[in-house]
């Protein structure tokens, strides 16, 4: 789907709003979950392109204090180093998948070592520890857990950490960010209602059910299929904005 000039104009209005302020929901989402129907007009008149459904994240009831750690930017002498942020809510985010994809944001490319750790939150036992490819571009990065021999257990919380190593001899200088993920047994995506495997409709359904990681993965798959589509990127930016991930949301809207 390629946005017309009306859709493109709307997207840039959203960019301006994000540059000024980024509270949760700043992209003006509503609870309507179906695509907007174009208004009737005279025969032969140009019709605006259908808009994607609003994707509104409805977080589960929170039983714990905010728990997302962000990595600030620090300098090493005159060297600029990146800001890092896991794309997780400030509460345990849910998934229905044993091996979901996780996403994180970096403000600039880096050649430094990037480590990923997955840890059982209750026992503190490290489930997975690996080195990720160094990002060659700023923006949103993916960690595909299906590449590793690890399954998330239902009902268990895991802390996942992305760590940029600045000085191997001084771990205290590392830049890291961390979030919590919890696997749940359901609900299951009603694929009979998602026509043609529409990933934006799937993202809207997951978000409405409080399944953060599944919603973000579906939105990410839509963006990956059409990286230049501003509409798809605006949907993903909206999700990020709703949980306070403002910098990643602004970056997404500008690219």
C-alpha atoms as a PDB file:
ATOM      1  CA  UNK A   1       0.000   0.000   0.000  1.00  0.00           C
ATOM      2  CA  UNK A   2       1.447   3.333  -1.017  1.00  0.00           C
ATOM      3  CA  UNK A   3       0.071   6.401   0.794  1.00  0.00           C
ATOM      4  CA  UNK A   4      -1.397   9.225  -1.336  1.00  0.00           C
ATOM      5  CA  UNK A   5      -0.577  12.881  -0.812  1.00  0.00           C
ATOM      6  CA  UNK A   6      -3.348  13.258   1.785  1.00  0.00           C
ATOM      7  CA  UNK A   7      -1.958  10.377   3.864  1.00  0.00           C
ATOM      8  CA  UNK A   8       1.564  11.715   3.572  1.00  0.00           C
ATOM      9  CA  UNK A   9       0.445  15.145   4.791  1.00  0.00           C
ATOM     10  CA  UNK A  10      -1.242  13.566   7.793  1.00  0.00           C
ATOM     11  CA  UNK A  11       1.915  11.673   8.665  1.00  0.00           C
ATOM     12  CA  UNK A  12       4.001  14.844   8.689  1.00  0.00           C
ATOM     13  CA  UNK A  13       1.468  16.534  10.970  1.00  0.00           C
ATOM     14  CA  UNK A  14       2.111  13.670  13.386  1.00  0.00           C
ATOM     15  CA  UNK A  15       5.851  14.224  13.131  1.00  0.00           C
ATOM     16  CA  UNK A  16       5.388  17.826  14.224  1.00  0.00           C
ATOM     17  CA  UNK A  17       3.303  16.766  17.212  1.00  0.00           C
ATOM     18  CA  UNK A  18       5.917  14.244  18.316  1.00  0.00           C
ATOM     19  CA  UNK A  19       8.699  16.780  18.065  1.00  0.00           C
ATOM     20  CA  UNK A  20       6.868  19.090  20.499  1.00  0.00           C
ATOM     21  CA  UNK A  21       5.560  16.629  23.069  1.00  0.00           C
ATOM     22  CA  UNK A  22       5.285  12.895  23.494  1.00  0.00           C
ATOM     23  CA  UNK A  23       2.884  11.864  26.234  1.00  0.00           C
ATOM     24  CA  UNK A  24       1.195   8.464  25.980  1.00  0.00           C
ATOM     25  CA  UNK A  25      -1.307   8.548  23.144  1.00  0.00           C
ATOM     26  CA  UNK A  26       0.047  11.754  21.582  1.00  0.00           C
ATOM     27  CA  UNK A  27      -0.632  10.427  18.116  1.00  0.00           C
ATOM     28  CA  UNK A  28      -4.355  10.886  18.639  1.00  0.00           C
ATOM     29  CA  UNK A  29      -5.414   7.231  18.479  1.00  0.00           C
ATOM     30  CA  UNK A  30      -9.048   6.389  19.163  1.00  0.00           C
ATOM     31  CA  UNK A  31     -10.665   3.167  20.289  1.00  0.00           C
ATOM     32  CA  UNK A  32     -12.083   2.536  16.816  1.00  0.00           C
ATOM     33  CA  UNK A  33     -10.552  -0.725  15.583  1.00  0.00           C
ATOM     34  CA  UNK A  34     -11.779  -0.745  11.972  1.00  0.00           C
ATOM     35  CA  UNK A  35     -10.386   1.101   8.946  1.00  0.00           C
ATOM     36  CA  UNK A  36     -11.961   4.503   8.310  1.00  0.00           C
ATOM     37  CA  UNK A  37     -14.497   4.374   5.476  1.00  0.00           C
ATOM     38  CA  UNK A  38     -14.156   7.125   2.875  1.00  0.00           C
ATOM     39  CA  UNK A  39     -17.058   9.553   2.723  1.00  0.00           C
ATOM     40  CA  UNK A  40     -19.376   9.450  -0.244  1.00  0.00           C
ATOM     41  CA  UNK A  41     -18.755  11.994  -2.980  1.00  0.00           C
ATOM     42  CA  UNK A  42     -19.779  12.731  -6.519  1.00  0.00           C
ATOM     43  CA  UNK A  43     -19.128  10.002  -9.113  1.00  0.00           C
ATOM     44  CA  UNK A  44     -15.640  10.224 -10.533  1.00  0.00           C
ATOM     45  CA  UNK A  45     -14.265  12.250  -7.635  1.00  0.00           C
ATOM     46  CA  UNK A  46     -10.922  11.123  -6.209  1.00  0.00           C
ATOM     47  CA  UNK A  47     -11.360   9.040  -3.072  1.00  0.00           C
ATOM     48  CA  UNK A  48      -8.884   9.193  -0.183  1.00  0.00           C
ATOM     49  CA  UNK A  49      -6.992   5.986   0.481  1.00  0.00           C
ATOM     50  CA  UNK A  50      -8.419   3.849   3.331  1.00  0.00           C
ATOM     51  CA  UNK A  51      -6.597   4.461   6.593  1.00  0.00           C
ATOM     52  CA  UNK A  52      -5.200   1.651   8.753  1.00  0.00           C
ATOM     53  CA  UNK A  53      -7.113   0.786  11.919  1.00  0.00           C
ATOM     54  CA  UNK A  54      -6.278   2.566  15.125  1.00  0.00           C
ATOM     55  CA  UNK A  55      -3.865   0.478  17.177  1.00  0.00           C
ATOM     56  CA  UNK A  56      -4.606   1.123  20.840  1.00  0.00           C
ATOM     57  CA  UNK A  57      -2.559  -0.717  23.436  1.00  0.00           C
ATOM     58  CA  UNK A  58      -4.591  -1.737  26.472  1.00  0.00           C
ATOM     59  CA  UNK A  59      -2.067  -2.804  29.113  1.00  0.00           C
ATOM     60  CA  UNK A  60      -2.938  -5.591  31.539  1.00  0.00           C
ATOM     61  CA  UNK A  61      -3.745  -4.675  35.110  1.00  0.00           C
ATOM     62  CA  UNK A  62      -0.507  -3.611  36.738  1.00  0.00           C
ATOM     63  CA  UNK A  63       0.465  -5.403  39.906  1.00  0.00           C
ATOM     64  CA  UNK A  64       4.012  -4.068  40.103  1.00  0.00           C
ATOM     65  CA  UNK A  65       5.752  -0.677  39.960  1.00  0.00           C
ATOM     66  CA  UNK A  66       7.215   0.677  36.732  1.00  0.00           C
ATOM     67  CA  UNK A  67      10.099  -1.504  35.612  1.00  0.00           C
ATOM     68  CA  UNK A  68      11.896  -0.387  32.463  1.00  0.00           C
ATOM     69  CA  UNK A  69      15.496   0.745  32.499  1.00  0.00           C
ATOM     70  CA  UNK A  70      16.802   3.082  29.821  1.00  0.00           C
ATOM     71  CA  UNK A  71      20.376   3.681  28.708  1.00  0.00           C
ATOM     72  CA  UNK A  72      21.447   7.313  28.630  1.00  0.00           C
ATOM     73  CA  UNK A  73      24.075   8.772  26.363  1.00  0.00           C
ATOM     74  CA  UNK A  74      27.532   9.248  27.809  1.00  0.00           C
ATOM     75  CA  UNK A  75      30.775  10.424  26.305  1.00  0.00           C
ATOM     76  CA  UNK A  76      34.217   8.931  26.277  1.00  0.00           C
ATOM     77  CA  UNK A  77      36.484  11.902  25.890  1.00  0.00           C
ATOM     78  CA  UNK A  78      35.473  13.509  22.625  1.00  0.00           C
ATOM     79  CA  UNK A  79      33.743  10.373  21.331  1.00  0.00           C
ATOM     80  CA  UNK A  80      29.962  10.429  21.027  1.00  0.00           C
ATOM     81  CA  UNK A  81      28.241   7.216  22.059  1.00  0.00           C
ATOM     82  CA  UNK A  82      24.684   6.058  21.425  1.00  0.00           C
ATOM     83  CA  UNK A  83      21.526   6.038  23.455  1.00  0.00           C
ATOM     84  CA  UNK A  84      19.942   2.598  23.811  1.00  0.00           C
ATOM     85  CA  UNK A  85      16.343   1.717  24.683  1.00  0.00           C
ATOM     86  CA  UNK A  86      14.553  -1.627  24.748  1.00  0.00           C
ATOM     87  CA  UNK A  87      11.107  -1.305  23.166  1.00  0.00           C
ATOM     88  CA  UNK A  88       9.230  -2.567  26.189  1.00  0.00           C
ATOM     89  CA  UNK A  89       6.471  -1.048  28.335  1.00  0.00           C
ATOM     90  CA  UNK A  90       7.218   0.044  31.894  1.00  0.00           C
ATOM     91  CA  UNK A  91       5.448  -3.077  33.182  1.00  0.00           C
ATOM     92  CA  UNK A  92       5.780  -6.788  32.318  1.00  0.00           C
ATOM     93  CA  UNK A  93       4.808  -6.940  28.638  1.00  0.00           C
ATOM     94  CA  UNK A  94       2.938 -10.013  27.423  1.00  0.00           C
ATOM     95  CA  UNK A  95       3.444 -12.448  24.561  1.00  0.00           C
ATOM     96  CA  UNK A  96       1.732 -15.678  23.546  1.00  0.00           C
ATOM     97  CA  UNK A  97       4.837 -16.988  21.769  1.00  0.00           C
ATOM     98  CA  UNK A  98       7.537 -19.245  23.209  1.00  0.00           C
ATOM     99  CA  UNK A  99      10.162 -17.541  21.015  1.00  0.00           C
ATOM    100  CA  UNK A 100       8.980 -14.025  20.130  1.00  0.00           C
ATOM    101  CA  UNK A 101      10.966 -11.241  18.531  1.00  0.00           C
ATOM    102  CA  UNK A 102      12.220  -8.454  20.777  1.00  0.00           C
ATOM    103  CA  UNK A 103      12.950  -4.947  19.519  1.00  0.00           C
ATOM    104  CA  UNK A 104      15.305  -2.242  20.701  1.00  0.00           C
ATOM    105  CA  UNK A 105      16.337   1.211  19.564  1.00  0.00           C
ATOM    106  CA  UNK A 106      19.779   2.762  19.147  1.00  0.00           C
ATOM    107  CA  UNK A 107      20.296   6.441  18.344  1.00  0.00           C
ATOM    108  CA  UNK A 108      23.338   5.971  16.087  1.00  0.00           C
ATOM    109  CA  UNK A 109      25.354   3.170  14.484  1.00  0.00           C
ATOM    110  CA  UNK A 110      28.176   1.664  16.503  1.00  0.00           C
ATOM    111  CA  UNK A 111      31.035  -0.745  15.998  1.00  0.00           C
ATOM    112  CA  UNK A 112      31.190  -1.545  19.697  1.00  0.00           C
ATOM    113  CA  UNK A 113      30.202  -4.920  21.076  1.00  0.00           C
ATOM    114  CA  UNK A 114      26.507  -5.313  21.859  1.00  0.00           C
ATOM    115  CA  UNK A 115      25.478  -8.045  24.304  1.00  0.00           C
ATOM    116  CA  UNK A 116      22.035  -9.499  24.878  1.00  0.00           C
ATOM    117  CA  UNK A 117      21.017 -11.246  28.090  1.00  0.00           C
ATOM    118  CA  UNK A 118      17.778 -13.040  28.968  1.00  0.00           C
ATOM    119  CA  UNK A 119      17.384 -13.813  32.653  1.00  0.00           C
ATOM    120  CA  UNK A 120      14.783 -15.551  34.808  1.00  0.00           C
ATOM    121  CA  UNK A 121      13.474 -12.679  36.916  1.00  0.00           C
ATOM    122  CA  UNK A 122      12.593 -14.809  39.951  1.00  0.00           C
ATOM    123  CA  UNK A 123      15.730 -16.956  40.203  1.00  0.00           C
ATOM    124  CA  UNK A 124      18.227 -14.613  38.556  1.00  0.00           C
ATOM    125  CA  UNK A 125      19.446 -17.485  36.356  1.00  0.00           C
ATOM    126  CA  UNK A 126      20.708 -16.411  32.915  1.00  0.00           C
ATOM    127  CA  UNK A 127      18.749 -18.260  30.235  1.00  0.00           C
ATOM    128  CA  UNK A 128      20.595 -16.773  27.256  1.00  0.00           C
ATOM    129  CA  UNK A 129      23.673 -14.619  26.852  1.00  0.00           C
ATOM    130  CA  UNK A 130      24.913 -13.766  23.372  1.00  0.00           C
ATOM    131  CA  UNK A 131      26.599 -11.046  21.318  1.00  0.00           C
ATOM    132  CA  UNK A 132      24.438  -9.278  18.745  1.00  0.00           C
ATOM    133  CA  UNK A 133      25.619  -7.895  15.413  1.00  0.00           C
ATOM    134  CA  UNK A 134      26.791  -4.318  15.838  1.00  0.00           C
ATOM    135  CA  UNK A 135      24.102  -2.011  14.371  1.00  0.00           C
ATOM    136  CA  UNK A 136      25.164  -0.502  11.060  1.00  0.00           C
ATOM    137  CA  UNK A 137      22.376   2.087  11.151  1.00  0.00           C
ATOM    138  CA  UNK A 138      20.446   3.988  13.789  1.00  0.00           C
ATOM    139  CA  UNK A 139      16.876   2.986  14.527  1.00  0.00           C
ATOM    140  CA  UNK A 140      14.901  -0.076  15.541  1.00  0.00           C
ATOM    141  CA  UNK A 141      16.731  -3.384  15.786  1.00  0.00           C
ATOM    142  CA  UNK A 142      15.291  -6.920  16.093  1.00  0.00           C
ATOM    143  CA  UNK A 143      16.301  -9.880  18.263  1.00  0.00           C
ATOM    144  CA  UNK A 144      14.661 -13.048  16.920  1.00  0.00           C
ATOM    145  CA  UNK A 145      14.472 -15.569  19.760  1.00  0.00           C
ATOM    146  CA  UNK A 146      13.539 -18.328  17.286  1.00  0.00           C
ATOM    147  CA  UNK A 147      17.241 -18.383  16.344  1.00  0.00           C
ATOM    148  CA  UNK A 148      18.152 -19.639  19.804  1.00  0.00           C
ATOM    149  CA  UNK A 149      17.434 -22.847  21.697  1.00  0.00           C
ATOM    150  CA  UNK A 150      15.336 -21.190  24.360  1.00  0.00           C
ATOM    151  CA  UNK A 151      11.601 -21.241  25.080  1.00  0.00           C
ATOM    152  CA  UNK A 152       9.834 -18.839  27.420  1.00  0.00           C
ATOM    153  CA  UNK A 153       7.821 -20.672  30.083  1.00  0.00           C
ATOM    154  CA  UNK A 154       4.166 -19.706  30.528  1.00  0.00           C
ATOM    155  CA  UNK A 155       3.552 -17.396  33.473  1.00  0.00           C
ATOM    156  CA  UNK A 156       7.207 -16.667  34.154  1.00  0.00           C
ATOM    157  CA  UNK A 157       8.816 -13.218  34.009  1.00  0.00           C
ATOM    158  CA  UNK A 158      12.085 -12.727  32.173  1.00  0.00           C
ATOM    159  CA  UNK A 159      14.294  -9.650  32.197  1.00  0.00           C
ATOM    160  CA  UNK A 160      15.943  -8.922  28.861  1.00  0.00           C
ATOM    161  CA  UNK A 161      18.910  -6.616  28.612  1.00  0.00           C
ATOM    162  CA  UNK A 162      20.725  -4.962  25.706  1.00  0.00           C
ATOM    163  CA  UNK A 163      24.177  -3.770  26.663  1.00  0.00           C
ATOM    164  CA  UNK A 164      26.646  -1.696  24.617  1.00  0.00           C
ATOM    165  CA  UNK A 165      30.153  -2.366  25.896  1.00  0.00           C
ATOM    166  CA  UNK A 166      32.192   0.827  26.013  1.00  0.00           C
ATOM    167  CA  UNK A 167      35.194  -0.486  27.950  1.00  0.00           C
ATOM    168  CA  UNK A 168      35.541  -4.268  28.499  1.00  0.00           C
ATOM    169  CA  UNK A 169      37.736  -3.613  31.526  1.00  0.00           C
ATOM    170  CA  UNK A 170      35.174  -1.292  33.131  1.00  0.00           C
ATOM    171  CA  UNK A 171      31.647  -2.790  32.957  1.00  0.00           C
ATOM    172  CA  UNK A 172      30.280   0.096  35.007  1.00  0.00           C
ATOM    173  CA  UNK A 173      30.670   2.326  31.930  1.00  0.00           C
ATOM    174  CA  UNK A 174      28.471   0.138  29.723  1.00  0.00           C
ATOM    175  CA  UNK A 175      25.255   1.575  28.303  1.00  0.00           C
ATOM    176  CA  UNK A 176      22.328  -0.767  28.805  1.00  0.00           C
ATOM    177  CA  UNK A 177      18.553  -0.929  28.761  1.00  0.00           C
ATOM    178  CA  UNK A 178      16.247  -3.597  30.165  1.00  0.00           C
ATOM    179  CA  UNK A 179      12.595  -4.627  30.166  1.00  0.00           C
ATOM    180  CA  UNK A 180      10.373  -7.485  31.330  1.00  0.00           C
ATOM    181  CA  UNK A 181       8.560 -10.066  29.200  1.00  0.00           C
ATOM    182  CA  UNK A 182       6.003 -12.641  30.344  1.00  0.00           C
ATOM    183  CA  UNK A 183       4.502 -15.427  28.259  1.00  0.00           C
ATOM    184  CA  UNK A 184       0.771 -16.082  28.582  1.00  0.00           C
ATOM    185  CA  UNK A 185      -1.330 -18.920  27.168  1.00  0.00           C
ATOM    186  CA  UNK A 186      -3.800 -16.756  25.318  1.00  0.00           C
ATOM    187  CA  UNK A 187      -5.879 -15.394  23.786  1.00  0.00           C
ATOM    188  CA  UNK A 188      -5.143 -16.650  20.296  1.00  0.00           C
ATOM    189  CA  UNK A 189      -5.243 -14.463  17.203  1.00  0.00           C
ATOM    190  CA  UNK A 190      -8.545 -15.049  15.326  1.00  0.00           C
ATOM    191  CA  UNK A 191      -6.899 -15.631  11.962  1.00  0.00           C
ATOM    192  CA  UNK A 192     -10.276 -16.204  10.294  1.00  0.00           C
ATOM    193  CA  UNK A 193     -11.036 -12.518  10.980  1.00  0.00           C
ATOM    194  CA  UNK A 194      -7.659 -11.175   9.777  1.00  0.00           C
ATOM    195  CA  UNK A 195      -8.047 -11.087   6.015  1.00  0.00           C
ATOM    196  CA  UNK A 196      -5.036 -12.000   3.935  1.00  0.00           C
ATOM    197  CA  UNK A 197      -2.724 -12.109   6.936  1.00  0.00           C
ATOM    198  CA  UNK A 198      -2.996  -8.314   7.376  1.00  0.00           C
ATOM    199  CA  UNK A 199      -0.275  -7.546   9.928  1.00  0.00           C
ATOM    200  CA  UNK A 200      -1.672  -4.117  10.863  1.00  0.00           C
ATOM    201  CA  UNK A 201      -5.054  -5.625  11.706  1.00  0.00           C
ATOM    202  CA  UNK A 202      -3.208  -8.296  13.677  1.00  0.00           C
ATOM    203  CA  UNK A 203      -1.245  -5.600  15.528  1.00  0.00           C
ATOM    204  CA  UNK A 204      -4.511  -3.822  16.382  1.00  0.00           C
ATOM    205  CA  UNK A 205      -6.034  -7.031  17.747  1.00  0.00           C
ATOM    206  CA  UNK A 206      -2.950  -7.946  19.802  1.00  0.00           C
ATOM    207  CA  UNK A 207      -2.714  -4.417  21.218  1.00  0.00           C
ATOM    208  CA  UNK A 208      -6.371  -4.461  22.230  1.00  0.00           C
ATOM    209  CA  UNK A 209      -5.769  -7.736  24.077  1.00  0.00           C
ATOM    210  CA  UNK A 210      -2.784  -6.294  25.965  1.00  0.00           C
ATOM    211  CA  UNK A 211      -0.214  -8.454  24.148  1.00  0.00           C
ATOM    212  CA  UNK A 212       2.535  -5.854  23.746  1.00  0.00           C
ATOM    213  CA  UNK A 213       5.292  -7.950  22.194  1.00  0.00           C
ATOM    214  CA  UNK A 214       2.964  -9.665  19.714  1.00  0.00           C
ATOM    215  CA  UNK A 215       1.483  -6.313  18.648  1.00  0.00           C
ATOM    216  CA  UNK A 216       4.926  -4.771  18.133  1.00  0.00           C
ATOM    217  CA  UNK A 217       6.127  -7.806  16.190  1.00  0.00           C
ATOM    218  CA  UNK A 218       3.100  -7.702  13.867  1.00  0.00           C
ATOM    219  CA  UNK A 219       3.621  -3.982  13.250  1.00  0.00           C
ATOM    220  CA  UNK A 220       7.315  -4.661  12.635  1.00  0.00           C
ATOM    221  CA  UNK A 221       6.496  -7.313  10.047  1.00  0.00           C
ATOM    222  CA  UNK A 222       4.303  -4.807   8.202  1.00  0.00           C
ATOM    223  CA  UNK A 223       7.139  -2.256   8.201  1.00  0.00           C
ATOM    224  CA  UNK A 224       9.668  -4.867   7.050  1.00  0.00           C
ATOM    225  CA  UNK A 225       7.396  -5.785   4.132  1.00  0.00           C
ATOM    226  CA  UNK A 226       7.116  -2.136   3.027  1.00  0.00           C
ATOM    227  CA  UNK A 227       9.912  -0.079   4.661  1.00  0.00           C
ATOM    228  CA  UNK A 228       9.052   3.127   2.793  1.00  0.00           C
ATOM    229  CA  UNK A 229       5.372   3.077   3.765  1.00  0.00           C
ATOM    230  CA  UNK A 230       4.801   6.033   6.096  1.00  0.00           C
ATOM    231  CA  UNK A 231       1.400   4.722   7.190  1.00  0.00           C
ATOM    232  CA  UNK A 232       2.859   1.474   8.538  1.00  0.00           C
ATOM    233  CA  UNK A 233       5.617   3.375  10.302  1.00  0.00           C
ATOM    234  CA  UNK A 234       3.078   5.744  11.859  1.00  0.00           C
ATOM    235  CA  UNK A 235       1.243   2.736  13.333  1.00  0.00           C
ATOM    236  CA  UNK A 236       4.433   1.426  14.926  1.00  0.00           C
ATOM    237  CA  UNK A 237       5.338   4.914  16.155  1.00  0.00           C
ATOM    238  CA  UNK A 238       1.910   5.182  17.767  1.00  0.00           C
ATOM    239  CA  UNK A 239       2.477   1.981  19.732  1.00  0.00           C
ATOM    240  CA  UNK A 240       5.850   3.240  20.958  1.00  0.00           C
ATOM    241  CA  UNK A 241       4.389   6.619  21.880  1.00  0.00           C
ATOM    242  CA  UNK A 242       1.629   5.027  23.957  1.00  0.00           C
ATOM    243  CA  UNK A 243       4.156   3.521  26.390  1.00  0.00           C
ATOM    244  CA  UNK A 244       6.424   6.570  26.549  1.00  0.00           C
ATOM    245  CA  UNK A 245       9.128   5.479  24.088  1.00  0.00           C
ATOM    246  CA  UNK A 246       9.232   8.965  22.636  1.00  0.00           C
ATOM    247  CA  UNK A 247      12.669   9.047  21.049  1.00  0.00           C
ATOM    248  CA  UNK A 248      12.125   5.811  19.134  1.00  0.00           C
ATOM    249  CA  UNK A 249       8.661   7.037  18.062  1.00  0.00           C
ATOM    250  CA  UNK A 250      10.076  10.338  16.735  1.00  0.00           C
ATOM    251  CA  UNK A 251      12.804   8.508  14.857  1.00  0.00           C
ATOM    252  CA  UNK A 252      10.248   6.172  13.296  1.00  0.00           C
ATOM    253  CA  UNK A 253       8.072   9.050  12.105  1.00  0.00           C
ATOM    254  CA  UNK A 254      11.035  10.842  10.554  1.00  0.00           C
ATOM    255  CA  UNK A 255      12.185   7.860   8.457  1.00  0.00           C
END
